[in-house]
N, C-alpha and C. Protein backbone atom coordinates (compact mmCIF):
# COMPACT_ATOMS: atom_id res chain seq x y z
N LEU A 1 0.82 -1.20 0.00
CA LEU A 1 0.00 0.00 0.00
C LEU A 1 0.86 1.25 0.00
N ALA A 2 1.94 1.21 0.72
CA ALA A 2 2.81 2.38 0.78
C ALA A 2 3.43 2.68 -0.59
N VAL A 3 3.79 1.63 -1.31
CA VAL A 3 4.38 1.82 -2.64
C VAL A 3 3.34 2.40 -3.60
N LEU A 4 2.12 1.88 -3.56
CA LEU A 4 1.07 2.41 -4.44
C LEU A 4 0.72 3.85 -4.08
N THR A 5 0.69 4.17 -2.80
CA THR A 5 0.41 5.54 -2.38
C THR A 5 1.52 6.48 -2.82
N ALA A 6 2.77 6.05 -2.67
CA ALA A 6 3.89 6.87 -3.14
C ALA A 6 3.83 7.07 -4.64
N ALA A 7 3.43 6.03 -5.38
CA ALA A 7 3.29 6.17 -6.83
C ALA A 7 2.18 7.16 -7.18
N GLU A 8 1.06 7.10 -6.47
CA GLU A 8 -0.03 8.04 -6.72
C GLU A 8 0.39 9.48 -6.47
N VAL A 9 1.06 9.71 -5.36
CA VAL A 9 1.49 11.07 -5.03
C VAL A 9 2.51 11.57 -6.03
N SER A 10 3.46 10.73 -6.39
CA SER A 10 4.49 11.19 -7.34
C SER A 10 3.90 11.43 -8.73
N ILE A 11 2.96 10.59 -9.15
CA ILE A 11 2.31 10.78 -10.45
C ILE A 11 1.50 12.07 -10.46
N ALA A 12 0.86 12.38 -9.35
CA ALA A 12 0.04 13.60 -9.28
C ALA A 12 0.90 14.86 -9.37
N TYR A 13 2.13 14.80 -8.86
CA TYR A 13 2.98 15.99 -8.88
C TYR A 13 3.78 16.15 -10.17
N VAL A 14 3.95 15.09 -10.93
CA VAL A 14 4.70 15.15 -12.19
C VAL A 14 3.75 15.64 -13.28
N ASP A 15 4.18 16.63 -14.04
CA ASP A 15 3.33 17.21 -15.08
C ASP A 15 3.59 16.62 -16.47
N ILE A 16 4.01 15.39 -16.53
CA ILE A 16 4.31 14.75 -17.81
C ILE A 16 3.03 14.24 -18.47
N LEU A 17 2.10 13.73 -17.69
CA LEU A 17 0.90 13.10 -18.23
C LEU A 17 -0.19 14.13 -18.50
N SER A 18 -0.99 13.86 -19.52
CA SER A 18 -2.12 14.75 -19.81
C SER A 18 -3.25 14.48 -18.83
N GLY A 19 -4.29 15.29 -18.87
CA GLY A 19 -5.39 15.22 -17.91
C GLY A 19 -6.10 13.89 -17.85
N ASN A 20 -6.54 13.38 -19.02
CA ASN A 20 -7.29 12.13 -19.03
C ASN A 20 -6.44 10.93 -18.64
N VAL A 21 -5.22 10.89 -19.10
CA VAL A 21 -4.33 9.79 -18.75
C VAL A 21 -4.04 9.80 -17.25
N LEU A 22 -3.82 10.97 -16.71
CA LEU A 22 -3.56 11.10 -15.27
C LEU A 22 -4.75 10.62 -14.45
N VAL A 23 -5.95 11.03 -14.85
CA VAL A 23 -7.15 10.63 -14.11
C VAL A 23 -7.33 9.12 -14.15
N TRP A 24 -7.21 8.51 -15.31
CA TRP A 24 -7.41 7.07 -15.43
C TRP A 24 -6.32 6.28 -14.71
N LEU A 25 -5.11 6.78 -14.74
CA LEU A 25 -4.03 6.09 -14.02
C LEU A 25 -4.26 6.16 -12.51
N LEU A 26 -4.68 7.31 -12.01
CA LEU A 26 -4.96 7.44 -10.58
C LEU A 26 -6.18 6.60 -10.17
N ILE A 27 -7.17 6.51 -11.03
CA ILE A 27 -8.33 5.66 -10.74
C ILE A 27 -7.89 4.19 -10.69
N ALA A 28 -7.04 3.77 -11.62
CA ALA A 28 -6.56 2.38 -11.63
C ALA A 28 -5.75 2.07 -10.38
N LEU A 29 -4.88 2.99 -9.98
CA LEU A 29 -4.10 2.76 -8.77
C LEU A 29 -4.99 2.73 -7.53
N GLY A 30 -5.99 3.59 -7.49
CA GLY A 30 -6.94 3.58 -6.38
C GLY A 30 -7.73 2.29 -6.32
N ALA A 31 -8.11 1.77 -7.48
CA ALA A 31 -8.83 0.50 -7.53
C ALA A 31 -7.94 -0.65 -7.06
N ALA A 32 -6.68 -0.61 -7.42
CA ALA A 32 -5.75 -1.65 -6.96
C ALA A 32 -5.60 -1.61 -5.44
N LYS A 33 -5.51 -0.41 -4.89
CA LYS A 33 -5.43 -0.28 -3.44
C LYS A 33 -6.71 -0.78 -2.78
N PHE A 34 -7.85 -0.51 -3.38
CA PHE A 34 -9.12 -0.97 -2.84
C PHE A 34 -9.17 -2.49 -2.80
N VAL A 35 -8.73 -3.15 -3.86
CA VAL A 35 -8.75 -4.61 -3.91
C VAL A 35 -7.83 -5.18 -2.83
N ILE A 36 -6.68 -4.58 -2.64
CA ILE A 36 -5.75 -5.06 -1.62
C ILE A 36 -6.35 -4.91 -0.23
N VAL A 37 -6.91 -3.74 0.05
CA VAL A 37 -7.48 -3.50 1.38
C VAL A 37 -8.69 -4.39 1.62
N ALA A 38 -9.60 -4.49 0.66
CA ALA A 38 -10.80 -5.30 0.83
C ALA A 38 -10.47 -6.78 0.92
N GLY A 39 -9.53 -7.23 0.14
CA GLY A 39 -9.22 -8.65 0.11
C GLY A 39 -8.41 -9.15 1.28
N PHE A 40 -7.42 -8.37 1.68
CA PHE A 40 -6.51 -8.86 2.70
C PHE A 40 -6.80 -8.29 4.08
N PHE A 41 -6.91 -6.97 4.18
CA PHE A 41 -7.06 -6.37 5.50
C PHE A 41 -8.46 -6.50 6.06
N MET A 42 -9.47 -6.59 5.20
CA MET A 42 -10.83 -6.81 5.67
C MET A 42 -11.15 -8.30 5.70
N HIS A 43 -10.20 -9.15 5.33
CA HIS A 43 -10.35 -10.60 5.34
C HIS A 43 -11.54 -11.04 4.50
N LEU A 44 -11.81 -10.32 3.42
CA LEU A 44 -12.96 -10.62 2.58
C LEU A 44 -12.81 -11.96 1.87
N LYS A 45 -11.60 -12.34 1.56
CA LYS A 45 -11.42 -13.60 0.83
C LYS A 45 -11.71 -14.82 1.70
N PHE A 46 -11.77 -14.63 3.03
CA PHE A 46 -12.06 -15.75 3.92
C PHE A 46 -13.53 -15.79 4.35
N ASP A 47 -14.33 -14.80 3.93
CA ASP A 47 -15.73 -14.75 4.32
C ASP A 47 -16.56 -15.75 3.53
N LYS A 48 -17.82 -15.89 3.97
CA LYS A 48 -18.76 -16.75 3.25
C LYS A 48 -19.04 -16.15 1.87
N PRO A 49 -19.34 -16.98 0.90
CA PRO A 49 -19.61 -16.48 -0.46
C PRO A 49 -20.78 -15.48 -0.50
N LEU A 50 -21.76 -15.64 0.35
CA LEU A 50 -22.88 -14.70 0.37
C LEU A 50 -22.42 -13.30 0.75
N TYR A 51 -21.59 -13.20 1.78
CA TYR A 51 -21.09 -11.89 2.21
C TYR A 51 -20.21 -11.27 1.15
N ARG A 52 -19.38 -12.09 0.54
CA ARG A 52 -18.51 -11.59 -0.53
C ARG A 52 -19.34 -11.10 -1.71
N SER A 53 -20.40 -11.82 -2.04
CA SER A 53 -21.27 -11.41 -3.15
C SER A 53 -21.98 -10.10 -2.85
N LEU A 54 -22.49 -9.96 -1.64
CA LEU A 54 -23.15 -8.71 -1.26
C LEU A 54 -22.18 -7.53 -1.31
N PHE A 55 -20.97 -7.76 -0.85
CA PHE A 55 -19.96 -6.70 -0.90
C PHE A 55 -19.64 -6.33 -2.34
N MET A 56 -19.51 -7.31 -3.21
CA MET A 56 -19.17 -7.03 -4.60
C MET A 56 -20.31 -6.32 -5.32
N VAL A 57 -21.56 -6.66 -5.00
CA VAL A 57 -22.69 -5.94 -5.61
C VAL A 57 -22.64 -4.47 -5.23
N GLY A 58 -22.36 -4.19 -3.96
CA GLY A 58 -22.23 -2.80 -3.52
C GLY A 58 -21.05 -2.10 -4.18
N ALA A 59 -19.92 -2.78 -4.29
CA ALA A 59 -18.73 -2.18 -4.90
C ALA A 59 -18.96 -1.88 -6.38
N ILE A 60 -19.60 -2.80 -7.08
CA ILE A 60 -19.89 -2.57 -8.50
C ILE A 60 -20.90 -1.43 -8.65
N GLY A 61 -21.87 -1.38 -7.75
CA GLY A 61 -22.84 -0.28 -7.77
C GLY A 61 -22.19 1.07 -7.58
N VAL A 62 -21.22 1.13 -6.68
CA VAL A 62 -20.50 2.39 -6.44
C VAL A 62 -19.72 2.80 -7.68
N VAL A 63 -19.08 1.85 -8.33
CA VAL A 63 -18.32 2.17 -9.54
C VAL A 63 -19.25 2.68 -10.63
N LEU A 64 -20.39 2.03 -10.80
CA LEU A 64 -21.35 2.49 -11.81
C LEU A 64 -21.89 3.88 -11.47
N LEU A 65 -22.21 4.12 -10.21
CA LEU A 65 -22.70 5.43 -9.80
C LEU A 65 -21.63 6.50 -10.03
N PHE A 66 -20.40 6.19 -9.71
CA PHE A 66 -19.29 7.12 -9.92
C PHE A 66 -19.15 7.45 -11.41
N GLY A 67 -19.27 6.44 -12.26
CA GLY A 67 -19.20 6.67 -13.70
C GLY A 67 -20.33 7.54 -14.20
N VAL A 68 -21.54 7.31 -13.70
CA VAL A 68 -22.69 8.12 -14.12
C VAL A 68 -22.51 9.57 -13.69
N VAL A 69 -22.02 9.78 -12.49
CA VAL A 69 -21.79 11.16 -12.03
C VAL A 69 -20.72 11.84 -12.88
N LEU A 70 -19.65 11.12 -13.19
CA LEU A 70 -18.61 11.72 -14.04
C LEU A 70 -19.14 12.03 -15.42
N LEU A 71 -19.95 11.15 -15.97
CA LEU A 71 -20.53 11.41 -17.29
C LEU A 71 -21.53 12.57 -17.24
N THR A 72 -22.26 12.69 -16.15
CA THR A 72 -23.23 13.77 -16.00
C THR A 72 -22.56 15.13 -16.04
N PHE A 73 -21.42 15.24 -15.39
CA PHE A 73 -20.70 16.51 -15.34
C PHE A 73 -19.62 16.63 -16.40
N ASN A 74 -19.68 15.77 -17.42
CA ASN A 74 -18.74 15.79 -18.54
C ASN A 74 -17.29 15.74 -18.09
N ALA A 75 -17.03 14.94 -17.07
CA ALA A 75 -15.66 14.82 -16.55
C ALA A 75 -14.89 13.71 -17.24
N LEU A 76 -15.55 12.90 -18.05
CA LEU A 76 -14.85 11.83 -18.76
C LEU A 76 -14.68 12.18 -20.22
């Protein structure tokens, strides 16, 4: 997590990448951090399949809602 966070901070401060590439790269790194935290630190991979499924439905719903909001405000 520390390495991914350091990569996010350094990428945000470097002005080499254009706006859209920067946004998508930061979203991908954030998603990777989310998977690590949810899978290992929340012990999600050891839970019952029902709980894991409910969590994934919520996580997918959040991603879809986030995409709709970004499309609504022409941020993508």
